[in-house]
């Protein structure tokens, strides 16, 4: 249990929700590959039938929701789960939270991808677009609709886009607002639905897409060559509260249930002249990890495991590994990844990685990758604290440090 000063406050992850190729589960329910084959022949990590049915039901649940982009719907589904898990619902109403100044921050790399491409196709074909095209394709409509569904009448609704670290930009914003007393309760996370012809073609054009079939675990972080980047869709949202440290430690001891603390979110940037903005030694990763540890006042040996960004690209994986080796002086903690399970979900990837870390803290175990890789296979000691990395095009990286109270 964490030793806490009486005047200290913790940022607690009170609830969490997620949707991905694993459905609404954090870990796979079977040993079968969750990937499927897109109509264009590429392997992708799309939602399973049960979750797809939940998306369809949500779309029918409210007249306004019939016009929303798929990214927005995934964010709403994950946010509802997080609020329910946190116990914020009341009167059995699934979309009304009993809150004071509930604030929402959602990250997404592309935003309303499906709608944007659909409206553009209509414009090329017909020379006009409907009036809803502009408001329904702005990035801001992701967080605003989550806030609407949450019944947040007076809290801020903020959307973030920093490519694949977008969810941690949202999470860092949540930490700052909660610590400053600008919000009492916060929904933060990321959502992305990028499985469109055009987006998949973009990933192919970079030359990083996996050559492996869907049933053979096409995304293989830490496996070296060839590149095994595989696109996925999903969302993860967290219900956050600022709680006195003594209250949190008392609650954890009394309930004997896992209580998660978000200790810090660090950021790192490097502006270099490349398409991806990543140096061979991962300078932005180094800065983000060091900042996260410094903010939390933690030493290297206090980190038990590290969930890598690990997109499955040889250059990206190698740069991150080099950064980890540098920061941890050649003795890194256990290295983990969930992209071989859910694919690379762009702006949602950091949030799903964090959810994966929380599941490890709760269960003290994780699924083992069925291919040669440097990812860890089992814990060597109790896992109490995990660092989670994320990075995106443009030379930006972020690291979140989470622990058990």
Protein backbone atom coordinates (compact mmCIF):
# COMPACT_ATOMS: atom_id res chain seq x y z
CA UNK A 1 0.00 0.00 0.00
CA UNK A 2 1.19 3.51 -0.81
CA UNK A 3 2.43 5.61 2.09
CA UNK A 4 0.68 8.95 1.73
CA UNK A 5 0.95 12.34 3.39
CA UNK A 6 -2.21 13.61 5.03
CA UNK A 7 -2.28 16.68 2.78
CA UNK A 8 -1.66 14.78 -0.46
CA UNK A 9 -4.29 14.16 -3.12
CA UNK A 10 -4.45 11.23 -5.54
CA UNK A 11 -5.92 11.15 -9.03
CA UNK A 12 -7.94 7.93 -8.88
CA UNK A 13 -9.15 5.94 -11.88
CA UNK A 14 -12.58 5.20 -10.49
CA UNK A 15 -13.93 3.41 -13.56
CA UNK A 16 -12.94 2.32 -17.05
CA UNK A 17 -14.60 1.18 -20.25
CA UNK A 18 -13.36 -0.11 -23.57
CA UNK A 19 -14.33 -1.49 -26.97
CA UNK A 20 -11.90 -3.13 -29.38
CA UNK A 21 -11.35 -6.29 -31.39
CA UNK A 22 -11.61 -8.07 -28.01
CA UNK A 23 -15.15 -6.73 -27.60
CA UNK A 24 -15.67 -5.11 -24.23
CA UNK A 25 -12.97 -7.25 -22.58
CA UNK A 26 -9.44 -6.14 -21.70
CA UNK A 27 -7.97 -9.62 -22.25
CA UNK A 28 -8.89 -12.15 -24.96
CA UNK A 29 -11.51 -14.78 -24.16
CA UNK A 30 -9.87 -17.40 -26.41
CA UNK A 31 -6.52 -18.23 -27.99
CA UNK A 32 -7.80 -17.46 -31.50
CA UNK A 33 -6.59 -14.41 -33.39
CA UNK A 34 -9.14 -11.57 -33.04
CA UNK A 35 -8.12 -10.12 -36.41
CA UNK A 36 -10.25 -10.37 -39.54
CA UNK A 37 -9.80 -9.63 -43.23
CA UNK A 38 -10.98 -6.32 -44.65
CA UNK A 39 -12.78 -6.40 -48.05
CA UNK A 40 -9.57 -5.04 -49.59
CA UNK A 41 -7.69 -8.12 -48.37
CA UNK A 42 -5.72 -6.51 -45.51
CA UNK A 43 -5.82 -7.87 -41.94
CA UNK A 44 -7.60 -5.53 -39.52
CA UNK A 45 -8.73 -5.54 -35.90
CA UNK A 46 -12.44 -4.75 -36.12
CA UNK A 47 -15.18 -5.08 -33.53
CA UNK A 48 -16.69 -8.55 -32.95
CA UNK A 49 -20.41 -9.14 -33.72
CA UNK A 50 -21.70 -8.60 -30.17
CA UNK A 51 -19.99 -5.23 -29.89
CA UNK A 52 -21.07 -4.31 -33.39
CA UNK A 53 -24.64 -4.96 -32.28
CA UNK A 54 -24.11 -2.62 -29.31
CA UNK A 55 -22.96 0.12 -31.69
CA UNK A 56 -26.06 -0.39 -33.83
CA UNK A 57 -28.29 -0.29 -30.76
CA UNK A 58 -26.65 2.93 -29.58
CA UNK A 59 -27.21 4.51 -32.98
CA UNK A 60 -30.93 3.76 -32.67
CA UNK A 61 -31.15 4.88 -29.03
CA UNK A 62 -31.49 8.61 -29.74
CA UNK A 63 -32.63 10.40 -32.92
CA UNK A 64 -29.51 12.57 -32.96
CA UNK A 65 -27.22 9.55 -32.68
CA UNK A 66 -28.28 8.24 -36.09
CA UNK A 67 -26.14 10.92 -37.73
CA UNK A 68 -23.01 10.45 -35.59
CA UNK A 69 -19.72 9.10 -36.91
CA UNK A 70 -18.56 5.66 -35.81
CA UNK A 71 -15.65 7.17 -33.82
CA UNK A 72 -18.10 9.18 -31.73
CA UNK A 73 -20.30 6.16 -31.04
CA UNK A 74 -17.32 4.10 -29.87
CA UNK A 75 -16.34 6.90 -27.50
CA UNK A 76 -19.87 7.07 -26.07
CA UNK A 77 -19.97 3.29 -25.51
CA UNK A 78 -16.66 3.30 -23.65
CA UNK A 79 -17.63 6.39 -21.62
CA UNK A 80 -20.90 4.76 -20.53
CA UNK A 81 -18.99 1.71 -19.32
CA UNK A 82 -16.52 3.88 -17.41
CA UNK A 83 -19.27 5.83 -15.69
CA UNK A 84 -21.12 2.65 -14.73
CA UNK A 85 -17.91 1.09 -13.43
CA UNK A 86 -17.30 4.22 -11.36
CA UNK A 87 -20.81 4.15 -9.90
CA UNK A 88 -21.62 7.56 -11.32
CA UNK A 89 -24.99 6.52 -12.77
CA UNK A 90 -28.16 7.06 -10.79
CA UNK A 91 -31.84 6.11 -11.05
CA UNK A 92 -30.84 3.30 -13.39
CA UNK A 93 -30.53 5.79 -16.23
CA UNK A 94 -27.68 4.65 -18.52
CA UNK A 95 -26.88 8.10 -19.83
CA UNK A 96 -27.30 10.33 -16.78
CA UNK A 97 -24.48 10.78 -14.28
CA UNK A 98 -24.93 12.17 -10.81
CA UNK A 99 -22.10 14.67 -10.94
CA UNK A 100 -20.94 18.16 -10.20
CA UNK A 101 -18.95 19.81 -13.00
CA UNK A 102 -18.28 16.65 -14.99
CA UNK A 103 -15.63 17.42 -17.62
CA UNK A 104 -14.82 15.40 -20.74
CA UNK A 105 -11.60 15.12 -22.76
CA UNK A 106 -11.40 12.67 -25.66
CA UNK A 107 -8.43 12.14 -27.97
CA UNK A 108 -8.67 11.02 -31.58
CA UNK A 109 -6.06 11.12 -34.31
CA UNK A 110 -8.46 11.29 -37.27
CA UNK A 111 -11.81 12.05 -35.68
CA UNK A 112 -14.90 11.44 -37.83
CA UNK A 113 -13.08 9.43 -40.51
CA UNK A 114 -16.09 7.61 -41.96
CA UNK A 115 -18.23 10.73 -42.27
CA UNK A 116 -15.44 12.85 -43.68
CA UNK A 117 -14.73 10.35 -46.45
CA UNK A 118 -18.44 9.81 -47.10
CA UNK A 119 -19.20 13.52 -47.44
CA UNK A 120 -16.17 14.02 -49.67
CA UNK A 121 -17.30 11.23 -51.98
CA UNK A 122 -20.76 12.82 -52.15
CA UNK A 123 -19.20 16.18 -53.00
CA UNK A 124 -17.13 14.69 -55.83
CA UNK A 125 -20.18 12.87 -57.15
CA UNK A 126 -22.89 15.51 -56.69
CA UNK A 127 -21.05 18.79 -56.22
CA UNK A 128 -22.71 19.53 -52.88
CA UNK A 129 -22.74 18.36 -49.27
CA UNK A 130 -25.46 18.38 -46.57
CA UNK A 131 -25.48 21.11 -43.94
CA UNK A 132 -24.47 18.58 -41.28
CA UNK A 133 -21.16 17.83 -42.99
CA UNK A 134 -19.14 20.49 -41.20
CA UNK A 135 -20.36 20.09 -37.59
CA UNK A 136 -20.33 16.29 -37.78
CA UNK A 137 -16.75 16.06 -39.07
CA UNK A 138 -15.02 18.49 -36.70
CA UNK A 139 -12.79 16.86 -34.09
CA UNK A 140 -14.64 18.69 -31.33
CA UNK A 141 -17.83 16.73 -31.90
CA UNK A 142 -16.23 13.60 -30.38
CA UNK A 143 -15.97 15.01 -26.85
CA UNK A 144 -19.10 17.15 -27.14
CA UNK A 145 -21.34 14.16 -27.89
CA UNK A 146 -19.78 12.15 -25.07
CA UNK A 147 -20.55 15.07 -22.76
CA UNK A 148 -24.11 15.27 -24.11
CA UNK A 149 -24.65 11.57 -23.51
CA UNK A 150 -23.23 11.99 -20.02
CA UNK A 151 -25.72 14.74 -19.23
CA UNK A 152 -22.91 17.19 -18.54
CA UNK A 153 -24.61 20.58 -18.68
CA UNK A 154 -21.86 22.80 -17.26
CA UNK A 155 -18.57 20.92 -17.63
CA UNK A 156 -16.05 21.49 -20.40
CA UNK A 157 -15.89 19.16 -23.43
CA UNK A 158 -12.43 19.07 -24.99
CA UNK A 159 -11.15 17.09 -27.97
CA UNK A 160 -7.46 16.43 -28.59
CA UNK A 161 -5.54 15.37 -31.67
CA UNK A 162 -1.86 14.56 -31.45
CA UNK A 163 -1.92 11.50 -33.71
CA UNK A 164 -1.28 8.28 -31.79
CA UNK A 165 -0.65 9.89 -28.39
CA UNK A 166 -3.96 11.79 -28.50
CA UNK A 167 -5.56 9.85 -25.63
CA UNK A 168 -2.68 10.72 -23.30
CA UNK A 169 -3.01 14.39 -24.24
CA UNK A 170 -6.60 14.07 -23.00
CA UNK A 171 -5.46 12.24 -19.88
CA UNK A 172 -2.78 14.84 -19.12
CA UNK A 173 -5.40 17.54 -19.45
CA UNK A 174 -7.61 15.66 -17.00
CA UNK A 175 -4.80 15.43 -14.44
CA UNK A 176 -4.10 19.16 -14.71
CA UNK A 177 -7.76 20.16 -14.33
CA UNK A 178 -8.41 17.83 -11.40
CA UNK A 179 -5.29 18.92 -9.55
CA UNK A 180 -6.20 22.57 -10.13
CA UNK A 181 -9.71 22.05 -8.78
CA UNK A 182 -11.27 23.00 -12.11
CA UNK A 183 -13.26 19.75 -12.22
CA UNK A 184 -14.54 17.25 -9.68
CA UNK A 185 -15.08 14.32 -12.00
CA UNK A 186 -13.54 13.71 -15.37
CA UNK A 187 -14.08 11.37 -18.32
CA UNK A 188 -10.90 11.08 -20.41
CA UNK A 189 -9.71 8.68 -23.08
CA UNK A 190 -9.46 8.08 -26.80
CA UNK A 191 -11.52 6.75 -29.70
CA UNK A 192 -10.80 5.87 -33.32
CA UNK A 193 -12.67 4.14 -36.16
CA UNK A 194 -10.16 4.32 -39.05
CA UNK A 195 -10.93 1.13 -40.97
CA UNK A 196 -11.79 2.85 -44.25
CA UNK A 197 -10.41 2.24 -47.71
CA UNK A 198 -8.59 5.57 -47.81
CA UNK A 199 -6.99 5.28 -44.35
CA UNK A 200 -5.87 1.72 -45.01
CA UNK A 201 -4.39 2.86 -48.33
CA UNK A 202 -2.45 5.56 -46.47
CA UNK A 203 -0.92 2.99 -44.14
CA UNK A 204 -0.01 0.80 -47.11
CA UNK A 205 1.59 3.75 -48.87
CA UNK A 206 4.00 4.25 -45.97
CA UNK A 207 5.18 0.68 -46.54
CA UNK A 208 4.62 -0.56 -43.00
CA UNK A 209 1.54 -2.79 -43.29
CA UNK A 210 1.75 -6.39 -42.14
CA UNK A 211 2.10 -9.12 -44.81
CA UNK A 212 0.66 -11.78 -42.48
CA UNK A 213 -2.86 -13.15 -42.72
CA UNK A 214 -5.52 -12.24 -40.17
CA UNK A 215 -5.57 -15.67 -38.56
CA UNK A 216 -1.81 -15.77 -38.00
CA UNK A 217 -1.47 -12.83 -35.57
CA UNK A 218 -0.51 -10.18 -38.17
CA UNK A 219 0.57 -7.49 -35.67
CA UNK A 220 3.81 -8.58 -33.98
CA UNK A 221 5.43 -5.89 -31.81
CA UNK A 222 9.01 -6.59 -30.91
CA UNK A 223 9.40 -9.32 -33.54
CA UNK A 224 11.70 -7.42 -35.89
CA UNK A 225 11.33 -7.63 -39.65
CA UNK A 226 9.13 -7.51 -41.64
CA UNK A 227 7.02 -4.59 -40.51
CA UNK A 228 3.78 -5.87 -39.01
CA UNK A 229 1.74 -2.70 -38.47
CA UNK A 230 -1.95 -3.67 -38.50
CA UNK A 231 -4.76 -1.15 -38.16
CA UNK A 232 -7.54 -1.55 -35.60
CA UNK A 233 -10.52 0.36 -34.22
CA UNK A 234 -11.67 0.94 -30.68
CA UNK A 235 -11.99 3.24 -27.69
CA UNK A 236 -11.15 3.38 -24.00
CA UNK A 237 -12.36 5.96 -21.49
CA UNK A 238 -11.54 6.44 -17.81
CA UNK A 239 -13.57 7.96 -14.99
CA UNK A 240 -11.21 10.06 -12.87
CA UNK A 241 -11.59 11.71 -9.48
CA UNK A 242 -9.32 13.71 -7.17
CA UNK A 243 -9.35 12.03 -3.76
CA UNK A 244 -7.45 12.71 -0.54
CA UNK A 245 -4.61 10.23 -0.22
CA UNK A 246 -5.69 9.06 3.22
CA UNK A 247 -9.24 8.48 1.93
CA UNK A 248 -7.96 6.47 -1.01
CA UNK A 249 -5.67 4.28 1.07
CA UNK A 250 -8.45 3.65 3.61
CA UNK A 251 -10.87 2.70 0.83
CA UNK A 252 -8.38 0.33 -0.78
CA UNK A 253 -7.73 -1.40 2.53
CA UNK A 254 -11.42 -1.67 3.42
CA UNK A 255 -12.78 -2.94 0.11
CA UNK A 256 -9.94 -5.31 -0.83
CA UNK A 257 -10.66 -4.31 -4.45
CA UNK A 258 -8.04 -2.92 -6.86
CA UNK A 259 -7.96 0.87 -6.71
CA UNK A 260 -5.85 2.53 -9.38
CA UNK A 261 -3.88 5.72 -9.06
CA UNK A 262 -2.83 7.80 -12.06
CA UNK A 263 0.43 9.17 -10.72
CA UNK A 264 1.54 11.29 -13.68
CA UNK A 265 1.48 11.91 -17.41
CA UNK A 266 4.74 13.03 -19.00
CA UNK A 267 5.36 14.43 -22.49
CA UNK A 268 8.29 14.50 -24.87
CA UNK A 269 8.77 16.19 -28.23
CA UNK A 270 11.38 16.19 -30.97
CA UNK A 271 11.06 18.24 -34.14
CA UNK A 272 13.08 16.48 -36.82
CA UNK A 273 12.80 16.42 -40.58
CA UNK A 274 11.19 13.05 -41.21
CA UNK A 275 7.72 11.79 -42.13
CA UNK A 276 7.23 10.16 -38.75
CA UNK A 277 9.27 12.47 -36.53
CA UNK A 278 11.19 9.79 -34.65
CA UNK A 279 14.94 9.59 -34.05
CA UNK A 280 16.86 6.33 -33.88
CA UNK A 281 17.30 6.65 -30.12
CA UNK A 282 13.72 7.83 -29.46
CA UNK A 283 14.49 11.18 -27.88
CA UNK A 284 10.81 12.01 -27.42
CA UNK A 285 10.24 8.68 -25.63
CA UNK A 286 13.16 9.40 -23.33
CA UNK A 287 11.82 12.83 -22.43
CA UNK A 288 8.28 11.56 -21.82
CA UNK A 289 9.35 8.68 -19.58
CA UNK A 290 11.72 10.84 -17.55
CA UNK A 291 9.10 13.54 -17.12
CA UNK A 292 6.48 11.04 -15.95
CA UNK A 293 8.88 9.59 -13.38
CA UNK A 294 10.00 13.04 -12.23
CA UNK A 295 6.44 14.32 -11.81
CA UNK A 296 5.55 11.27 -9.72
CA UNK A 297 8.77 11.43 -7.70
CA UNK A 298 9.59 7.82 -8.59
CA UNK A 299 12.89 6.03 -9.05
CA UNK A 300 13.59 3.66 -11.94
CA UNK A 301 13.49 0.56 -9.74
CA UNK A 302 9.93 1.38 -8.65
CA UNK A 303 8.58 0.65 -12.16
CA UNK A 304 7.66 -3.04 -12.39
CA UNK A 305 6.50 -3.17 -16.01
CA UNK A 306 6.29 -1.00 -19.12
CA UNK A 307 3.57 -1.21 -21.76
CA UNK A 308 5.30 -0.21 -24.97
CA UNK A 309 3.83 1.84 -27.79
CA UNK A 310 5.37 -0.83 -30.07
CA UNK A 311 3.52 -0.43 -33.39
CA UNK A 312 5.19 -3.50 -34.90
CA UNK A 313 7.40 -1.47 -37.24
CA UNK A 314 11.12 -2.35 -37.06
CA UNK A 315 12.25 1.29 -36.91
CA UNK A 316 9.59 2.37 -34.41
CA UNK A 317 10.04 -0.60 -32.12
CA UNK A 318 13.83 -0.26 -32.21
CA UNK A 319 13.74 3.46 -31.40
CA UNK A 320 11.47 2.90 -28.42
CA UNK A 321 13.55 -0.01 -27.15
CA UNK A 322 16.69 2.13 -27.45
CA UNK A 323 14.99 4.88 -25.46
CA UNK A 324 13.92 2.42 -22.76
CA UNK A 325 17.42 0.99 -22.51
CA UNK A 326 18.85 4.50 -22.16
CA UNK A 327 16.39 5.70 -19.52
CA UNK A 328 16.59 2.50 -17.47
CA UNK A 329 20.39 2.21 -17.84
CA UNK A 330 20.22 -1.11 -19.64
CA UNK A 331 18.04 -2.78 -16.98
CA UNK A 332 14.46 -2.16 -18.12
CA UNK A 333 11.36 -3.48 -16.35
CA UNK A 334 9.16 -6.18 -17.89
CA UNK A 335 8.20 -5.11 -21.42
CA UNK A 336 4.62 -5.62 -22.59
CA UNK A 337 2.28 -4.71 -25.45
CA UNK A 338 -1.36 -5.23 -26.39
CA UNK A 339 -1.19 -4.27 -30.07
CA UNK A 340 -0.83 -7.91 -31.08
CA UNK A 341 -4.34 -8.29 -29.60
CA UNK A 342 -6.12 -5.11 -30.76
CA UNK A 343 -4.00 -3.74 -33.60
CA UNK A 344 -2.87 -0.14 -33.80
CA UNK A 345 -5.94 1.98 -33.04
CA UNK A 346 -4.20 5.33 -33.67
CA UNK A 347 -5.75 7.95 -31.34
CA UNK A 348 -7.30 5.27 -29.11
CA UNK A 349 -4.12 3.21 -28.79
CA UNK A 350 -2.71 4.92 -25.69
CA UNK A 351 -6.02 4.56 -23.85
CA UNK A 352 -6.32 0.87 -24.72
CA UNK A 353 -2.71 0.35 -23.62
CA UNK A 354 -3.50 2.00 -20.29
CA UNK A 355 -6.57 -0.18 -19.86
CA UNK A 356 -4.35 -3.20 -20.56
CA UNK A 357 -1.95 -2.03 -17.83
CA UNK A 358 -4.79 -1.66 -15.33
CA UNK A 359 -5.97 -5.17 -16.08
CA UNK A 360 -2.46 -6.45 -15.38
CA UNK A 361 -2.39 -4.59 -12.06
CA UNK A 362 -5.75 -6.11 -11.15
CA UNK A 363 -4.99 -9.71 -12.20
CA UNK A 364 -1.19 -9.91 -11.96
CA UNK A 365 -1.09 -11.75 -15.30
CA UNK A 366 -1.31 -11.13 -19.03
CA UNK A 367 -1.70 -13.09 -22.28
CA UNK A 368 1.53 -14.28 -23.88
CA UNK A 369 2.30 -13.45 -27.51
CA UNK A 370 2.37 -16.55 -29.77
CA UNK A 371 5.41 -15.39 -31.78
CA UNK A 372 9.10 -14.73 -31.03
CA UNK A 373 9.48 -11.34 -29.35
CA UNK A 374 11.19 -9.62 -26.44
CA UNK A 375 7.84 -9.10 -24.68
CA UNK A 376 7.75 -10.59 -21.17
CA UNK A 377 5.89 -13.84 -20.55
CA UNK A 378 5.25 -13.79 -16.78
CA UNK A 379 5.79 -11.55 -13.74
CA UNK A 380 8.94 -12.06 -11.68
CA UNK A 381 7.47 -10.22 -8.69
CA UNK A 382 4.19 -8.52 -7.76
CA UNK A 383 3.29 -5.82 -10.27
CA UNK A 384 2.47 -2.61 -8.39
CA UNK A 385 3.42 0.15 -10.82
CA UNK A 386 3.36 0.30 -14.65
CA UNK A 387 4.60 2.90 -17.10
CA UNK A 388 2.69 3.17 -20.39
CA UNK A 389 4.16 4.71 -23.55
CA UNK A 390 2.53 6.30 -26.59
CA UNK A 391 3.88 8.23 -29.55
CA UNK A 392 2.66 9.73 -32.78
CA UNK A 393 3.74 11.31 -36.04
CA UNK A 394 5.27 14.73 -35.64
CA UNK A 395 7.74 13.76 -32.93
CA UNK A 396 5.41 13.68 -29.94
CA UNK A 397 5.41 11.07 -27.17
CA UNK A 398 3.67 10.63 -23.84
CA UNK A 399 4.05 8.32 -20.85
CA UNK A 400 1.52 7.63 -18.10
CA UNK A 401 2.46 6.12 -14.74
CA UNK A 402 -0.21 4.09 -12.94
CA UNK A 403 -0.14 2.07 -9.74
CA UNK A 404 -2.22 0.24 -7.19
CA UNK A 405 -3.16 2.34 -4.16
